[in-house]
């Protein structure tokens, strides 16, 4: 079963996701400029929401270049020497052809479970593994100090140390455990370039959010006073210009439940991950410039669709932009109306999905006429929490 989220969210003046010039991201859609918040930005906000609200506690991953350094820090605290630590770590990662440089960093970011790092460090320090790996010469140390004549002398070749087969297997199994899949890896996916066996297909898709309305960039001209400057000297201590906008966003996300269960291999954990994702995806807000332009605006309308197969984005509802119509139908209400019309039209043309269930909630849920909701088989929920519970109850494959 697949789960889709269609969200209308109206933001106050803000700069939630900046481009390389510091201005809010934007794009052209339907021949007009629109505000945009990237999928990466929202995925980061969702993961931060997990952490800030204690979701998936102890089951989260970190994305880092410094995984070997994190292992080294734990080993150092246990009294291991720097030379031994370096040899053990390089031998450990080379077992799966993952390169580690002289600063104990990987060549690219790797997504790995936080608790897995601690467990791996403990296992590497068991006597049998440590004594075997710590004797391996560091390949980077090919020269020794010169003898005062300014010429480096090559090191004498060391006798090659064979790692016992049982230790090789332990090390391989340990690295596999280090790269085991956590809920956030299962949701967002992982690619390890040199070790494709650890790649994970993402169970969710997160689209770039775009404004339902036409959006032009606006600028905030600001000044700051030098409070110790003599009163008879005019002028500000500094001046600046900051871009901002106030968009009504259409957000689209989906989850392949079968892929989520496959990634985790545990239906109970998959159910917890799905519930956490739904809640965080609806409630998380990017934090760009939130100290000066906090746009802490919850979604106006959330529609969650459960279906056996296929996915439909409703972005084309806004190819012709939504707008303020009247006092009773503002930009938000018009956006909701256009999104529901797009759903109804798509069902009519493409065929209504089989075994479909639809739940909705939000600050402006009352904008959807009850007869329209009834006609489309949409079930109202009083709160987001009720909506999440209803979705989890209705999802096949988690029971």
Protein backbone atom coordinates (compact mmCIF):
# COMPACT_ATOMS: atom_id res chain seq x y z
CA UNK A 1 0.00 0.00 0.00
CA UNK A 2 1.11 3.56 -0.74
CA UNK A 3 0.49 6.65 1.37
CA UNK A 4 0.34 10.14 -0.13
CA UNK A 5 0.33 13.51 1.63
CA UNK A 6 -1.06 16.61 -0.05
CA UNK A 7 -0.56 19.72 2.07
CA UNK A 8 -1.57 23.36 1.70
CA UNK A 9 0.50 25.56 4.01
CA UNK A 10 0.38 29.35 4.08
CA UNK A 11 3.53 31.03 5.42
CA UNK A 12 4.05 34.50 6.87
CA UNK A 13 6.83 36.72 5.41
CA UNK A 14 9.93 34.56 5.65
CA UNK A 15 13.07 33.19 4.02
CA UNK A 16 12.83 29.52 4.98
CA UNK A 17 15.18 28.13 2.31
CA UNK A 18 17.91 30.32 0.79
CA UNK A 19 19.77 30.05 -2.51
CA UNK A 20 23.44 30.87 -3.07
CA UNK A 21 22.70 34.62 -2.98
CA UNK A 22 20.83 34.41 0.34
CA UNK A 23 17.43 34.99 -1.26
CA UNK A 24 14.44 32.62 -0.97
CA UNK A 25 14.55 29.82 -3.52
CA UNK A 26 12.17 30.12 -6.45
CA UNK A 27 11.31 28.56 -9.79
CA UNK A 28 9.14 29.08 -12.84
CA UNK A 29 5.95 27.01 -13.07
CA UNK A 30 3.04 27.54 -15.44
CA UNK A 31 4.99 30.41 -17.02
CA UNK A 32 5.09 32.39 -13.76
CA UNK A 33 7.58 32.77 -10.91
CA UNK A 34 6.81 30.74 -7.80
CA UNK A 35 8.37 30.48 -4.37
CA UNK A 36 10.05 27.15 -3.72
CA UNK A 37 11.32 25.18 -0.72
CA UNK A 38 13.58 22.31 -1.71
CA UNK A 39 12.87 18.70 -0.85
CA UNK A 40 16.27 18.49 0.89
CA UNK A 41 15.28 21.38 3.14
CA UNK A 42 12.03 19.74 4.21
CA UNK A 43 13.68 16.33 4.71
CA UNK A 44 16.24 17.96 7.00
CA UNK A 45 13.42 19.68 8.91
CA UNK A 46 11.64 16.33 9.29
CA UNK A 47 14.75 14.60 10.69
CA UNK A 48 15.34 17.53 13.08
CA UNK A 49 11.71 17.21 14.22
CA UNK A 50 12.36 13.53 14.99
CA UNK A 51 15.30 14.52 17.18
CA UNK A 52 13.70 17.57 18.83
CA UNK A 53 10.58 15.61 19.84
CA UNK A 54 12.23 12.34 20.89
CA UNK A 55 10.77 10.36 18.00
CA UNK A 56 12.48 7.08 17.06
CA UNK A 57 14.66 7.57 20.13
CA UNK A 58 17.90 5.60 19.96
CA UNK A 59 17.11 4.47 16.41
CA UNK A 60 18.31 7.49 14.42
CA UNK A 61 21.24 7.81 12.02
CA UNK A 62 23.86 10.49 11.42
CA UNK A 63 25.17 11.66 8.04
CA UNK A 64 28.88 12.36 8.32
CA UNK A 65 32.39 12.25 6.85
CA UNK A 66 33.76 11.66 10.33
CA UNK A 67 32.51 8.19 11.18
CA UNK A 68 36.09 6.79 11.49
CA UNK A 69 36.97 9.75 13.71
CA UNK A 70 33.97 8.99 15.92
CA UNK A 71 35.19 5.41 16.29
CA UNK A 72 38.71 6.66 17.07
CA UNK A 73 37.42 8.98 19.80
CA UNK A 74 35.72 6.08 21.61
CA UNK A 75 38.87 3.94 21.29
CA UNK A 76 41.06 6.78 22.55
CA UNK A 77 38.87 7.12 25.63
CA UNK A 78 39.55 3.43 26.34
CA UNK A 79 43.31 4.03 26.34
CA UNK A 80 44.21 2.73 22.89
CA UNK A 81 47.26 4.25 21.16
CA UNK A 82 46.95 6.50 18.09
CA UNK A 83 48.99 4.16 15.85
CA UNK A 84 46.92 1.13 16.77
CA UNK A 85 43.66 3.05 16.35
CA UNK A 86 44.65 4.22 12.88
CA UNK A 87 45.68 0.73 11.77
CA UNK A 88 42.51 -0.89 13.13
CA UNK A 89 40.15 1.66 11.57
CA UNK A 90 41.78 1.57 8.14
CA UNK A 91 41.82 -2.22 8.11
CA UNK A 92 38.20 -2.26 9.22
CA UNK A 93 36.88 -0.01 6.44
CA UNK A 94 39.18 -1.43 3.74
CA UNK A 95 37.42 -4.77 4.21
CA UNK A 96 34.59 -3.23 2.16
CA UNK A 97 36.79 -0.94 0.01
CA UNK A 98 35.72 2.24 1.82
CA UNK A 99 38.62 4.70 1.76
CA UNK A 100 39.70 6.54 4.90
CA UNK A 101 42.18 9.43 4.62
CA UNK A 102 45.01 10.37 6.98
CA UNK A 103 42.63 12.60 8.97
CA UNK A 104 40.32 9.65 9.57
CA UNK A 105 37.54 10.92 7.33
CA UNK A 106 35.68 9.08 4.57
CA UNK A 107 35.79 10.49 1.05
CA UNK A 108 32.05 11.13 1.00
CA UNK A 109 29.20 11.53 3.47
CA UNK A 110 27.90 8.27 4.87
CA UNK A 111 24.51 7.76 6.54
CA UNK A 112 24.88 5.35 9.47
CA UNK A 113 23.14 4.60 12.75
CA UNK A 114 24.43 6.62 15.72
CA UNK A 115 24.16 3.66 18.12
CA UNK A 116 25.76 1.41 15.49
CA UNK A 117 28.97 3.47 15.69
CA UNK A 118 29.22 2.92 19.45
CA UNK A 119 28.50 -0.80 19.10
CA UNK A 120 31.12 -1.18 16.33
CA UNK A 121 33.80 0.55 18.42
CA UNK A 122 33.14 -1.80 21.33
CA UNK A 123 33.34 -4.88 19.10
CA UNK A 124 36.55 -3.75 17.40
CA UNK A 125 38.23 -3.52 20.80
CA UNK A 126 37.61 -7.17 21.65
CA UNK A 127 41.06 -8.81 22.16
CA UNK A 128 41.05 -11.12 19.14
CA UNK A 129 39.99 -8.49 16.59
CA UNK A 130 42.14 -5.74 18.07
CA UNK A 131 45.33 -7.80 18.22
CA UNK A 132 44.89 -8.91 14.60
CA UNK A 133 44.01 -5.55 13.02
CA UNK A 134 46.34 -3.35 15.06
CA UNK A 135 49.43 -5.09 13.61
CA UNK A 136 48.64 -4.11 10.02
CA UNK A 137 51.08 -1.48 8.76
CA UNK A 138 49.66 1.87 7.72
CA UNK A 139 50.06 2.09 3.95
CA UNK A 140 50.41 5.88 4.10
CA UNK A 141 53.59 5.64 6.18
CA UNK A 142 55.95 4.61 3.39
CA UNK A 143 58.91 6.73 4.46
CA UNK A 144 60.79 7.25 7.68
CA UNK A 145 62.72 10.31 8.92
CA UNK A 146 65.85 11.16 6.98
CA UNK A 147 69.20 10.46 8.60
CA UNK A 148 70.22 14.09 8.63
CA UNK A 149 71.24 14.12 4.98
CA UNK A 150 67.91 15.51 3.81
CA UNK A 151 66.98 12.35 1.97
CA UNK A 152 64.10 10.22 3.15
CA UNK A 153 64.88 6.57 3.43
CA UNK A 154 62.37 3.91 2.47
CA UNK A 155 61.07 1.79 5.29
CA UNK A 156 62.10 -1.78 5.43
CA UNK A 157 59.48 -4.13 4.18
CA UNK A 158 57.52 -5.69 6.99
CA UNK A 159 56.51 -9.25 7.04
CA UNK A 160 52.97 -9.45 5.79
CA UNK A 161 50.62 -10.27 8.63
CA UNK A 162 47.83 -12.62 7.76
CA UNK A 163 44.53 -12.00 9.50
CA UNK A 164 42.96 -15.26 10.67
CA UNK A 165 39.95 -16.28 8.60
CA UNK A 166 37.64 -16.26 11.61
CA UNK A 167 38.67 -12.65 12.38
CA UNK A 168 38.09 -11.64 8.74
CA UNK A 169 34.56 -12.99 9.01
CA UNK A 170 33.98 -11.20 12.32
CA UNK A 171 35.20 -7.92 10.84
CA UNK A 172 32.98 -8.32 7.77
CA UNK A 173 29.95 -9.16 9.87
CA UNK A 174 30.69 -6.22 12.15
CA UNK A 175 30.87 -3.79 9.24
CA UNK A 176 27.57 -5.16 7.95
CA UNK A 177 26.01 -4.43 11.37
CA UNK A 178 27.50 -0.93 11.35
CA UNK A 179 25.62 -0.30 8.11
CA UNK A 180 22.34 -1.81 9.28
CA UNK A 181 19.25 0.19 8.34
CA UNK A 182 17.68 2.62 10.81
CA UNK A 183 14.17 4.08 10.33
CA UNK A 184 15.40 7.39 8.87
CA UNK A 185 17.72 5.54 6.47
CA UNK A 186 14.77 3.31 5.49
CA UNK A 187 12.68 6.41 4.79
CA UNK A 188 15.21 8.61 3.00
CA UNK A 189 17.56 6.03 1.49
CA UNK A 190 21.34 5.67 1.46
CA UNK A 191 24.06 5.34 -1.18
CA UNK A 192 27.57 4.10 -0.36
CA UNK A 193 29.52 4.53 -3.60
CA UNK A 194 32.31 2.03 -2.93
CA UNK A 195 30.12 -0.53 -1.21
CA UNK A 196 26.81 -0.80 -3.09
CA UNK A 197 25.69 -3.72 -0.91
CA UNK A 198 24.89 -1.09 1.74
CA UNK A 199 22.72 1.01 -0.60
CA UNK A 200 19.12 1.43 0.53
CA UNK A 201 16.22 2.45 -1.70
CA UNK A 202 14.28 5.30 -0.09
CA UNK A 203 10.75 4.37 0.95
CA UNK A 204 9.52 7.96 0.70
CA UNK A 205 9.50 10.66 -1.96
CA UNK A 206 9.53 14.33 -1.00
CA UNK A 207 8.82 16.88 -3.73
CA UNK A 208 9.99 20.47 -3.84
CA UNK A 209 7.22 22.61 -2.39
CA UNK A 210 6.05 25.43 -4.66
CA UNK A 211 3.70 28.33 -4.08
CA UNK A 212 0.14 27.92 -5.29
CA UNK A 213 0.16 31.63 -6.12
CA UNK A 214 2.35 33.80 -8.32
CA UNK A 215 5.24 35.03 -6.20
CA UNK A 216 7.52 38.01 -6.69
CA UNK A 217 10.58 38.54 -4.54
CA UNK A 218 10.33 41.25 -1.91
CA UNK A 219 13.16 42.92 0.00
CA UNK A 220 13.58 44.10 3.55
CA UNK A 221 15.86 47.13 3.83
CA UNK A 222 17.19 47.31 7.35
CA UNK A 223 19.63 49.36 9.41
CA UNK A 224 21.46 48.82 12.68
CA UNK A 225 22.51 51.69 14.94
CA UNK A 226 25.92 52.08 16.53
CA UNK A 227 24.86 52.74 20.12
CA UNK A 228 28.23 54.23 21.16
CA UNK A 229 28.47 56.57 18.19
CA UNK A 230 28.26 60.30 19.09
CA UNK A 231 24.77 61.73 18.63
CA UNK A 232 26.02 64.50 16.36
CA UNK A 233 27.37 61.97 13.83
CA UNK A 234 24.52 60.86 11.53
CA UNK A 235 24.16 57.53 9.81
CA UNK A 236 23.65 53.91 10.74
CA UNK A 237 26.34 51.52 11.86
CA UNK A 238 25.34 49.17 9.05
CA UNK A 239 22.66 48.75 6.43
CA UNK A 240 21.48 45.65 4.61
CA UNK A 241 19.00 44.15 2.20
CA UNK A 242 17.32 40.78 2.77
CA UNK A 243 15.00 38.95 0.40
CA UNK A 244 11.75 37.38 1.63
CA UNK A 245 8.35 36.18 0.47
CA UNK A 246 5.03 35.04 1.94
CA UNK A 247 3.93 31.99 -0.07
CA UNK A 248 0.99 29.64 0.14
CA UNK A 249 2.72 26.32 -0.51
CA UNK A 250 1.55 23.06 -2.02
CA UNK A 251 3.59 20.21 -0.54
CA UNK A 252 3.60 16.64 -1.82
CA UNK A 253 5.14 13.58 -0.11
CA UNK A 254 4.53 9.84 -0.39
CA UNK A 255 5.61 6.57 1.19
CA UNK A 256 5.84 3.09 -0.29
CA UNK A 257 4.85 1.02 2.74
CA UNK A 258 6.04 -2.25 1.21
CA UNK A 259 9.50 -0.74 0.62
CA UNK A 260 9.58 0.62 4.18
CA UNK A 261 8.84 -2.82 5.64
CA UNK A 262 11.39 -4.42 3.31
CA UNK A 263 14.08 -1.92 4.34
CA UNK A 264 13.52 -2.44 8.06
CA UNK A 265 12.52 -6.09 8.10
CA UNK A 266 10.25 -5.35 11.05
CA UNK A 267 6.56 -4.44 10.77
CA UNK A 268 6.36 -2.99 14.28
CA UNK A 269 9.33 -0.70 13.66
CA UNK A 270 7.95 0.20 10.20
CA UNK A 271 4.64 1.22 11.80
CA UNK A 272 6.50 3.43 14.30
CA UNK A 273 8.58 4.94 11.50
CA UNK A 274 5.51 5.65 9.36
CA UNK A 275 3.62 7.31 12.24
CA UNK A 276 6.66 9.42 13.12
CA UNK A 277 7.17 10.43 9.51
CA UNK A 278 3.53 11.44 9.00
CA UNK A 279 3.48 13.56 12.14
CA UNK A 280 6.86 15.18 11.45
CA UNK A 281 6.13 15.79 7.76
CA UNK A 282 2.97 17.68 8.69
CA UNK A 283 4.36 19.61 11.67
CA UNK A 284 8.02 20.28 10.77
CA UNK A 285 8.93 23.74 9.47
CA UNK A 286 12.33 24.70 8.00
CA UNK A 287 14.35 27.03 10.23
CA UNK A 288 15.88 29.43 7.71
CA UNK A 289 16.17 32.93 9.26
CA UNK A 290 13.66 31.92 11.92
CA UNK A 291 15.11 34.38 14.44
CA UNK A 292 14.19 37.40 12.31
CA UNK A 293 11.25 36.04 10.27
CA UNK A 294 9.66 33.13 12.16
CA UNK A 295 6.97 31.58 9.97
CA UNK A 296 5.62 29.07 12.46
CA UNK A 297 2.42 28.51 10.51
CA UNK A 298 0.87 25.02 10.71
CA UNK A 299 -0.72 23.52 7.59
CA UNK A 300 -4.06 24.95 6.54
CA UNK A 301 -5.14 21.65 4.98
CA UNK A 302 -3.75 18.10 4.97
CA UNK A 303 -5.13 15.32 2.79
CA UNK A 304 -3.72 11.81 3.18
CA UNK A 305 -4.52 9.20 0.54
CA UNK A 306 -4.11 5.45 1.07
CA UNK A 307 -4.09 3.39 -2.12
CA UNK A 308 -2.93 -0.02 -3.28
CA UNK A 309 -0.61 1.24 -6.00
CA UNK A 310 0.46 4.30 -7.97
CA UNK A 311 1.14 7.91 -7.02
CA UNK A 312 -0.44 11.18 -8.15
CA UNK A 313 1.03 14.59 -7.50
CA UNK A 314 -1.58 17.36 -7.68
CA UNK A 315 0.91 20.12 -8.54
CA UNK A 316 -0.81 20.83 -11.86
CA UNK A 317 -3.80 22.13 -9.94
CA UNK A 318 -1.72 25.30 -9.67
CA UNK A 319 -0.46 25.57 -13.25
CA UNK A 320 -2.89 28.49 -13.27
CA UNK A 321 -2.12 30.10 -9.91
CA UNK A 322 -4.55 30.34 -7.02
CA UNK A 323 -5.50 33.83 -5.88
CA UNK A 324 -7.63 35.88 -3.52
CA UNK A 325 -11.23 35.68 -4.77
CA UNK A 326 -13.34 37.30 -2.06
CA UNK A 327 -13.61 37.69 1.70
CA UNK A 328 -15.16 34.24 1.91
CA UNK A 329 -12.66 32.65 -0.48
CA UNK A 330 -9.13 33.84 0.10
CA UNK A 331 -5.89 32.48 -1.31
CA UNK A 332 -5.82 29.50 1.06
CA UNK A 333 -9.43 28.48 0.44
CA UNK A 334 -8.96 28.84 -3.32
CA UNK A 335 -5.80 26.69 -3.14
CA UNK A 336 -7.69 23.96 -1.26
CA UNK A 337 -10.54 24.13 -3.78
CA UNK A 338 -8.17 23.83 -6.76
CA UNK A 339 -6.31 20.89 -5.20
CA UNK A 340 -9.55 18.96 -4.52
CA UNK A 341 -10.80 19.71 -8.04
CA UNK A 342 -7.54 18.32 -9.45
CA UNK A 343 -7.98 15.14 -7.40
CA UNK A 344 -11.57 14.71 -8.60
CA UNK A 345 -10.62 15.34 -12.23
CA UNK A 346 -7.68 12.94 -12.08
CA UNK A 347 -9.92 10.23 -10.63
CA UNK A 348 -12.47 10.85 -13.38
CA UNK A 349 -9.93 10.71 -16.22
CA UNK A 350 -7.42 8.14 -14.91
CA UNK A 351 -9.88 6.01 -12.94
CA UNK A 352 -10.36 6.11 -9.20
CA UNK A 353 -7.69 4.03 -7.41
CA UNK A 354 -8.86 0.72 -6.02
CA UNK A 355 -9.20 0.35 -2.26
CA UNK A 356 -8.58 4.04 -1.74
CA UNK A 357 -9.11 5.76 1.61
CA UNK A 358 -8.82 9.52 2.16
CA UNK A 359 -8.48 11.38 5.44
CA UNK A 360 -8.21 15.13 5.92
CA UNK A 361 -7.64 17.70 8.66
CA UNK A 362 -6.11 21.13 9.16
CA UNK A 363 -6.66 24.70 10.28
CA UNK A 364 -8.85 25.40 7.22
CA UNK A 365 -10.43 21.97 6.85
CA UNK A 366 -13.86 23.61 7.18
CA UNK A 367 -13.21 25.26 3.80
CA UNK A 368 -13.98 21.92 2.14
CA UNK A 369 -17.76 21.60 1.71
CA UNK A 370 -19.16 18.52 3.46
CA UNK A 371 -21.06 17.38 0.40
CA UNK A 372 -17.83 17.50 -1.67
CA UNK A 373 -15.97 15.51 0.98
CA UNK A 374 -18.78 12.97 1.13
CA UNK A 375 -18.96 12.63 -2.65
CA UNK A 376 -15.21 11.93 -2.83
CA UNK A 377 -15.25 9.56 0.14
CA UNK A 378 -13.08 11.82 2.27
CA UNK A 379 -13.12 11.24 6.04
CA UNK A 380 -12.69 14.32 8.27
CA UNK A 381 -10.41 14.16 11.32
CA UNK A 382 -10.60 16.59 14.22
CA UNK A 383 -6.85 16.83 14.66
CA UNK A 384 -3.54 15.86 13.06
CA UNK A 385 -2.99 13.25 15.75
CA UNK A 386 -6.36 11.68 14.94
CA UNK A 387 -5.49 11.77 11.25
CA UNK A 388 -2.16 9.96 11.83
CA UNK A 389 -3.87 7.28 13.95
CA UNK A 390 -6.55 6.80 11.29
CA UNK A 391 -3.93 6.37 8.58
CA UNK A 392 -1.87 3.87 10.57
CA UNK A 393 -5.05 1.87 11.31
CA UNK A 394 -5.97 1.83 7.63
CA UNK A 395 -2.59 0.87 6.19
CA UNK A 396 -2.29 -2.71 4.98
CA UNK A 397 0.98 -4.57 5.42
CA UNK A 398 1.70 -3.37 8.95
CA UNK A 399 -0.47 -5.90 10.78
